């Protein structure tokens, strides 16, 4: 069971690392133009009124993703040391950082739930 948790942490880490590339459905402007990744935001025409907002949104996602990945990397190190309390705490902090995007990113909450169920 514990190895499954380690695998889940690694998968969540990979998922968070790719948030800005893989993205999720996000719309901008009154016409609800879909811009689902940082690349799509950067490729918008300059005349698109909400380009700056879209780029800023996805850059902010990238900043949050970096913080989440740092906590998940710490969780993997703690897992290898056998400190499962620290693993839970570090995944909790990753979930806390992810909170603004939790509904769409859906990365850390399911992981934390699995860790707590495995206790």
Protein backbone atom coordinates (compact mmCIF):
# COMPACT_ATOMS: atom_id res chain seq x y z
CA UNK A 1 0.00 0.00 0.00
CA UNK A 2 2.77 2.42 0.85
CA UNK A 3 4.44 1.90 -2.53
CA UNK A 4 1.14 2.82 -4.18
CA UNK A 5 1.17 6.07 -2.22
CA UNK A 6 4.71 6.80 -3.38
CA UNK A 7 3.61 6.18 -6.98
CA UNK A 8 0.62 8.49 -6.47
CA UNK A 9 2.91 11.24 -5.16
CA UNK A 10 5.20 10.83 -8.19
CA UNK A 11 2.21 10.98 -10.56
CA UNK A 12 0.85 14.08 -8.82
CA UNK A 13 4.28 15.67 -9.05
CA UNK A 14 4.38 14.98 -12.79
CA UNK A 15 0.84 16.32 -13.22
CA UNK A 16 1.61 19.56 -11.35
CA UNK A 17 4.81 20.02 -13.34
CA UNK A 18 2.73 20.02 -16.54
CA UNK A 19 -0.13 22.28 -15.46
CA UNK A 20 0.82 25.14 -17.79
CA UNK A 21 1.46 22.84 -20.77
CA UNK A 22 -1.50 20.49 -20.44
CA UNK A 23 -3.76 22.99 -18.70
CA UNK A 24 -7.50 22.75 -18.31
CA UNK A 25 -10.55 24.42 -19.81
CA UNK A 26 -10.42 28.14 -19.08
CA UNK A 27 -12.24 30.95 -20.86
CA UNK A 28 -11.56 34.66 -21.16
CA UNK A 29 -13.52 37.68 -22.30
CA UNK A 30 -17.23 38.22 -22.87
CA UNK A 31 -17.19 35.70 -25.73
CA UNK A 32 -15.69 33.05 -23.44
CA UNK A 33 -12.71 32.29 -25.68
CA UNK A 34 -11.06 29.06 -24.53
CA UNK A 35 -7.38 29.41 -23.63
CA UNK A 36 -6.32 26.12 -22.08
CA UNK A 37 -2.56 26.53 -21.62
CA UNK A 38 0.23 29.08 -21.35
CA UNK A 39 1.27 28.41 -24.95
CA UNK A 40 -2.25 29.07 -26.21
CA UNK A 41 -2.32 32.31 -24.22
CA UNK A 42 1.03 33.43 -25.60
CA UNK A 43 -0.06 32.55 -29.16
CA UNK A 44 -3.18 34.73 -29.01
CA UNK A 45 -3.18 37.64 -31.46
CA UNK A 46 -2.03 40.94 -29.97
CA UNK A 47 -5.42 42.48 -30.70
CA UNK A 48 -7.18 39.96 -28.45
CA UNK A 49 -8.25 42.23 -25.59
CA UNK A 50 -7.83 39.56 -22.92
CA UNK A 51 -4.42 38.25 -24.01
CA UNK A 52 -2.61 39.85 -21.07
CA UNK A 53 -5.15 38.45 -18.65
CA UNK A 54 -4.83 34.96 -20.14
CA UNK A 55 -1.02 35.05 -20.13
CA UNK A 56 -0.99 36.35 -16.55
CA UNK A 57 -3.43 33.63 -15.45
CA UNK A 58 -1.28 30.85 -16.90
CA UNK A 59 1.97 32.36 -15.58
CA UNK A 60 0.37 32.47 -12.13
CA UNK A 61 -0.61 28.82 -12.56
CA UNK A 62 3.06 28.12 -13.33
CA UNK A 63 4.20 29.86 -10.15
CA UNK A 64 1.71 27.90 -8.06
CA UNK A 65 2.72 24.69 -9.84
CA UNK A 66 6.37 25.26 -8.92
CA UNK A 67 5.43 25.66 -5.26
CA UNK A 68 3.24 22.55 -5.35
CA UNK A 69 6.02 20.52 -6.96
CA UNK A 70 8.48 21.65 -4.29
CA UNK A 71 6.18 20.32 -1.55
CA UNK A 72 5.56 17.08 -3.44
CA UNK A 73 9.31 16.60 -3.97
CA UNK A 74 9.79 17.05 -0.22
CA UNK A 75 7.06 14.47 0.35
CA UNK A 76 8.94 11.96 -1.81
CA UNK A 77 12.13 12.55 0.17
CA UNK A 78 10.25 12.12 3.44
CA UNK A 79 8.63 8.96 2.08
CA UNK A 80 12.06 7.49 1.31
CA UNK A 81 13.14 8.35 4.87
CA UNK A 82 10.06 6.58 6.25
CA UNK A 83 8.66 9.77 7.80
CA UNK A 84 5.02 9.29 6.85
CA UNK A 85 3.77 12.07 9.12
CA UNK A 86 5.98 14.51 7.19
CA UNK A 87 4.64 13.08 3.92
CA UNK A 88 1.09 13.84 4.98
CA UNK A 89 2.05 17.32 6.18
CA UNK A 90 3.91 18.15 2.96
CA UNK A 91 1.08 16.93 0.74
CA UNK A 92 -1.28 18.99 2.92
CA UNK A 93 0.85 22.09 2.25
CA UNK A 94 0.85 21.28 -1.49
CA UNK A 95 -2.95 21.03 -1.33
CA UNK A 96 -3.10 24.36 0.50
CA UNK A 97 -0.98 26.05 -2.17
CA UNK A 98 -3.05 24.43 -4.93
CA UNK A 99 -6.32 25.65 -3.36
CA UNK A 100 -7.04 28.50 -5.84
CA UNK A 101 -6.94 25.94 -8.68
CA UNK A 102 -8.08 22.85 -6.79
CA UNK A 103 -11.34 22.47 -8.69
CA UNK A 104 -9.63 22.39 -12.08
CA UNK A 105 -6.17 21.04 -11.21
CA UNK A 106 -7.51 18.27 -8.97
CA UNK A 107 -4.02 17.09 -8.06
CA UNK A 108 -3.32 17.27 -4.33
CA UNK A 109 -6.73 16.82 -2.69
CA UNK A 110 -7.27 13.28 -4.06
CA UNK A 111 -3.67 12.45 -3.10
CA UNK A 112 -4.13 13.71 0.45
CA UNK A 113 -7.38 11.78 0.75
CA UNK A 114 -5.59 8.56 -0.29
CA UNK A 115 -2.79 9.17 2.19
CA UNK A 116 -5.26 9.71 5.00
CA UNK A 117 -7.21 6.59 4.04
CA UNK A 118 -4.02 4.51 4.02
CA UNK A 119 -3.27 5.35 7.67
